[in-house]
Amino acid sequence: MPVYEYECVKCGARNEFVEFLGSGRIVARKCRECGGTRLRKLASRAVFHPEVTLEDLGVNVIRQPAPPAGTVPQGPPGGKCPYCDPDPEPSAPGGAGGGPQKT
């Protein structure tokens, strides 16, 4: 996530804000020094802050450890899908799911 630098028109203080790409949301920015809302975006180089984590920014992240290199991820026990119906019941003639019905 890129960090952009803004300058307050009122007091001249420089502020940095993280902008989420592709989120489509507009974040109201205020000067951290005077609380002014008129900020001017500055042309600056890309800035990354490694000490800021996604959790610090209020982003929920689900992290799962990566499998060890050279291993193949295993499926559920027995190789069966826990969400699949093993023996689906056939539709009754003229019942729901049988396509368009004639009247």
Protein backbone atom coordinates (compact mmCIF):
# COMPACT_ATOMS: atom_id res chain seq x y z
CA MET A 1 0.00 0.00 0.00
CA PRO A 2 1.52 3.27 -1.04
CA VAL A 3 2.02 6.16 1.34
CA TYR A 4 1.29 9.61 -0.05
CA GLU A 5 2.52 12.91 1.32
CA TYR A 6 0.24 15.95 1.72
CA GLU A 7 0.90 19.53 2.81
CA CYS A 8 -1.65 21.44 4.90
CA VAL A 9 -2.69 24.69 3.19
CA LYS A 10 -3.45 26.28 6.57
CA CYS A 11 -0.28 25.56 8.58
CA GLY A 12 2.16 24.07 6.04
CA ALA A 13 2.68 20.83 7.99
CA ARG A 14 3.49 17.70 5.99
CA ASN A 15 1.31 14.65 6.57
CA GLU A 16 1.56 11.09 5.27
CA PHE A 17 -1.47 8.93 4.52
CA VAL A 18 -1.81 5.33 3.37
CA GLU A 19 -4.14 4.97 0.42
CA PHE A 20 -5.75 1.63 -0.29
CA LEU A 21 -5.56 0.79 -3.98
CA GLY A 22 -8.69 -0.50 -5.65
CA SER A 23 -10.91 -0.08 -2.61
CA GLY A 24 -12.99 2.67 -4.20
CA ARG A 25 -13.38 4.48 -0.91
CA ILE A 26 -12.43 8.07 -0.26
CA VAL A 27 -10.79 8.75 3.08
CA ALA A 28 -11.33 12.12 4.75
CA ARG A 29 -7.89 13.51 5.52
CA LYS A 30 -7.12 16.02 8.26
CA CYS A 31 -3.89 17.71 9.17
CA ARG A 32 -2.41 16.08 12.26
CA GLU A 33 -1.03 19.43 13.44
CA CYS A 34 -3.95 21.86 13.11
CA GLY A 35 -6.90 19.68 12.04
CA GLY A 36 -7.24 21.53 8.73
CA THR A 37 -9.01 19.70 5.91
CA ARG A 38 -7.46 21.55 2.94
CA LEU A 39 -4.47 19.41 2.02
CA ARG A 40 -2.40 19.56 -1.15
CA LYS A 41 -0.92 16.35 -2.52
CA LEU A 42 2.84 16.60 -2.96
CA ALA A 43 4.86 15.02 -5.75
CA SER A 44 7.21 12.76 -3.84
CA ARG A 45 8.91 9.42 -4.23
CA ALA A 46 7.22 6.22 -3.17
CA VAL A 47 7.49 5.72 0.58
CA PHE A 48 7.07 2.47 2.47
CA HIS A 49 7.06 2.15 6.23
CA PRO A 50 8.10 -1.37 7.25
CA GLU A 51 7.22 -0.67 10.88
CA VAL A 52 3.55 -0.16 9.94
CA THR A 53 1.65 -3.43 9.67
CA LEU A 54 -1.73 -4.08 8.11
CA GLU A 55 -3.15 -4.65 11.58
CA ASP A 56 -1.98 -1.15 12.59
CA LEU A 57 -3.99 0.22 9.68
CA GLY A 58 -7.13 -1.60 10.75
CA VAL A 59 -7.00 -4.23 8.02
CA ASN A 60 -7.99 -7.75 9.03
CA VAL A 61 -5.50 -10.24 7.68
CA ILE A 62 -5.81 -13.99 7.94
CA ARG A 63 -2.37 -15.48 7.79
CA GLN A 64 -1.73 -19.15 7.37
CA PRO A 65 1.76 -20.60 7.44
CA ALA A 66 3.06 -21.66 4.04
CA PRO A 67 3.66 -25.38 3.57
CA PRO A 68 7.32 -26.43 3.66
CA ALA A 69 9.11 -26.16 0.33
CA GLY A 70 8.80 -29.25 -1.85
CA THR A 71 5.60 -30.55 -0.23
CA VAL A 72 2.20 -30.97 -1.82
CA PRO A 73 -0.77 -29.62 0.16
CA GLN A 74 -2.96 -32.43 1.42
CA GLY A 75 -6.73 -32.49 1.08
CA PRO A 76 -9.22 -33.67 3.68
CA PRO A 77 -8.78 -37.13 5.28
CA GLY A 78 -9.62 -39.94 2.88
CA GLY A 79 -9.46 -37.58 -0.06
CA LYS A 80 -13.18 -36.82 0.17
CA CYS A 81 -14.66 -33.38 -0.09
CA PRO A 82 -16.44 -32.55 3.20
CA TYR A 83 -18.88 -30.30 1.32
CA CYS A 84 -19.82 -32.65 -1.52
CA ASP A 85 -22.88 -34.88 -1.42
CA PRO A 86 -21.56 -38.42 -2.04
CA ASP A 87 -24.84 -39.79 -3.48
CA PRO A 88 -27.04 -37.06 -4.93
CA GLU A 89 -30.67 -38.11 -5.24
CA PRO A 90 -32.00 -38.05 -8.79
CA SER A 91 -34.76 -35.57 -9.51
CA ALA A 92 -38.26 -36.98 -9.64
CA PRO A 93 -39.91 -36.78 -13.07
CA GLY A 94 -41.72 -33.46 -13.39
CA GLY A 95 -40.21 -32.25 -10.12
CA ALA A 96 -38.12 -29.21 -9.35
CA GLY A 97 -34.92 -28.84 -11.29
CA GLY A 98 -36.15 -30.96 -14.19
CA GLY A 99 -36.17 -28.08 -16.65
CA PRO A 100 -39.15 -26.25 -18.12
CA GLN A 101 -42.50 -27.86 -17.49
CA LYS A 102 -45.26 -28.15 -20.06
CA THR A 103 -48.76 -27.05 -19.13
